[in-house]
Amino acid sequence: MTRAAVVWLACVLRFAAQDAQGDPEQLWAAGEREAALAAWEQQLALRPSDGALRRELVSRQMEAQRWEAALRTAAPLGPEADGLRGSALF
């Protein structure tokens, strides 16, 4: 399999997984907080180095008062997330 085919397949699988799990923003807006958080967590599992996605998940976890989960999610962010960690600890 060529590199281009592998990249294409990875993209297709990622978007298929995202469609299957639902759009977290829509789930959140509909009041389905647990489903939205689970969808963001699944997306983060696929893209663990995506800092913006990680910060979004941390913010939503704090909004849902899941403080320990927010602290775990924020841990890889380093000093840039000190404010988020401080809020979760407060």
Protein backbone atom coordinates (compact mmCIF):
# COMPACT_ATOMS: atom_id res chain seq x y z
CA MET A 1 0.00 0.00 0.00
CA THR A 2 1.40 3.42 -0.92
CA ARG A 3 1.88 6.20 1.59
CA ALA A 4 -0.85 8.24 -0.12
CA ALA A 5 -3.29 5.34 0.21
CA VAL A 6 -2.47 4.96 3.90
CA VAL A 7 -2.99 8.69 4.54
CA TRP A 8 -6.26 8.63 2.60
CA LEU A 9 -7.49 5.60 4.54
CA ALA A 10 -6.55 7.19 7.87
CA CYS A 11 -8.51 10.33 6.94
CA VAL A 12 -11.55 8.32 5.88
CA LEU A 13 -11.50 6.31 9.10
CA ARG A 14 -11.10 9.42 11.23
CA PHE A 15 -14.05 11.18 9.60
CA ALA A 16 -16.15 8.02 9.74
CA ALA A 17 -15.43 7.71 13.45
CA GLN A 18 -16.30 11.36 13.99
CA ASP A 19 -19.60 10.98 12.10
CA ALA A 20 -20.45 7.82 14.05
CA GLN A 21 -19.90 9.46 17.41
CA GLY A 22 -21.73 12.69 16.58
CA ASP A 23 -20.64 16.28 16.65
CA PRO A 24 -19.66 17.17 20.21
CA GLU A 25 -20.71 20.81 19.81
CA GLN A 26 -24.20 19.75 18.73
CA LEU A 27 -24.44 17.18 21.51
CA TRP A 28 -23.33 19.79 24.06
CA ALA A 29 -25.85 22.33 22.75
CA ALA A 30 -28.59 19.69 22.98
CA GLY A 31 -27.77 19.14 26.65
CA GLU A 32 -26.16 15.75 26.09
CA ARG A 33 -23.06 16.62 28.09
CA GLU A 34 -21.79 13.10 28.78
CA ALA A 35 -22.11 12.11 25.12
CA ALA A 36 -20.38 15.32 24.05
CA LEU A 37 -17.51 14.79 26.48
CA ALA A 38 -17.15 11.21 25.29
CA ALA A 39 -17.05 12.40 21.67
CA TRP A 40 -14.33 14.97 22.48
CA GLU A 41 -12.38 12.29 24.35
CA GLN A 42 -12.58 10.00 21.33
CA GLN A 43 -11.37 12.78 19.05
CA LEU A 44 -8.49 13.49 21.42
CA ALA A 45 -7.55 9.80 21.41
CA LEU A 46 -7.17 10.10 17.64
CA ARG A 47 -5.24 13.38 17.85
CA PRO A 48 -3.46 13.44 21.23
CA SER A 49 -1.08 16.25 20.20
CA ASP A 50 -3.93 18.62 19.23
CA GLY A 51 -3.53 21.30 21.91
CA ALA A 52 -6.62 23.27 20.90
CA LEU A 53 -8.81 20.17 21.12
CA ARG A 54 -7.26 19.27 24.48
CA ARG A 55 -7.90 22.79 25.85
CA GLU A 56 -11.51 22.64 24.59
CA LEU A 57 -12.06 19.32 26.34
CA VAL A 58 -10.52 20.63 29.56
CA SER A 59 -12.81 23.69 29.48
CA ARG A 60 -15.89 21.56 28.87
CA GLN A 61 -14.90 19.09 31.59
CA MET A 62 -14.62 21.99 34.03
CA GLU A 63 -17.99 23.36 32.92
CA ALA A 64 -19.45 19.92 33.69
CA GLN A 65 -17.62 19.99 37.06
CA ARG A 66 -15.43 17.02 36.19
CA TRP A 67 -12.41 18.54 37.91
CA GLU A 68 -10.20 15.45 38.14
CA ALA A 69 -10.80 14.57 34.50
CA ALA A 70 -9.93 18.14 33.52
CA LEU A 71 -6.66 17.96 35.47
CA ARG A 72 -5.73 14.66 33.79
CA THR A 73 -6.59 16.01 30.35
CA ALA A 74 -4.62 19.23 30.94
CA ALA A 75 -1.48 17.49 32.24
CA PRO A 76 0.26 17.11 28.84
CA LEU A 77 -0.24 20.78 27.99
CA GLY A 78 2.55 21.99 30.23
CA PRO A 79 2.84 25.57 31.50
CA GLU A 80 0.46 26.94 28.86
CA ALA A 81 -2.41 25.35 30.79
CA ASP A 82 -1.47 26.63 34.24
CA GLY A 83 -4.54 28.89 34.26
CA LEU A 84 -6.84 25.99 33.39
CA ARG A 85 -5.25 23.79 36.06
CA GLY A 86 -5.57 26.59 38.61
CA SER A 87 -9.27 26.95 37.81
CA ALA A 88 -9.81 23.20 38.13
CA LEU A 89 -8.02 23.13 41.48
CA PHE A 90 -9.94 26.12 42.84
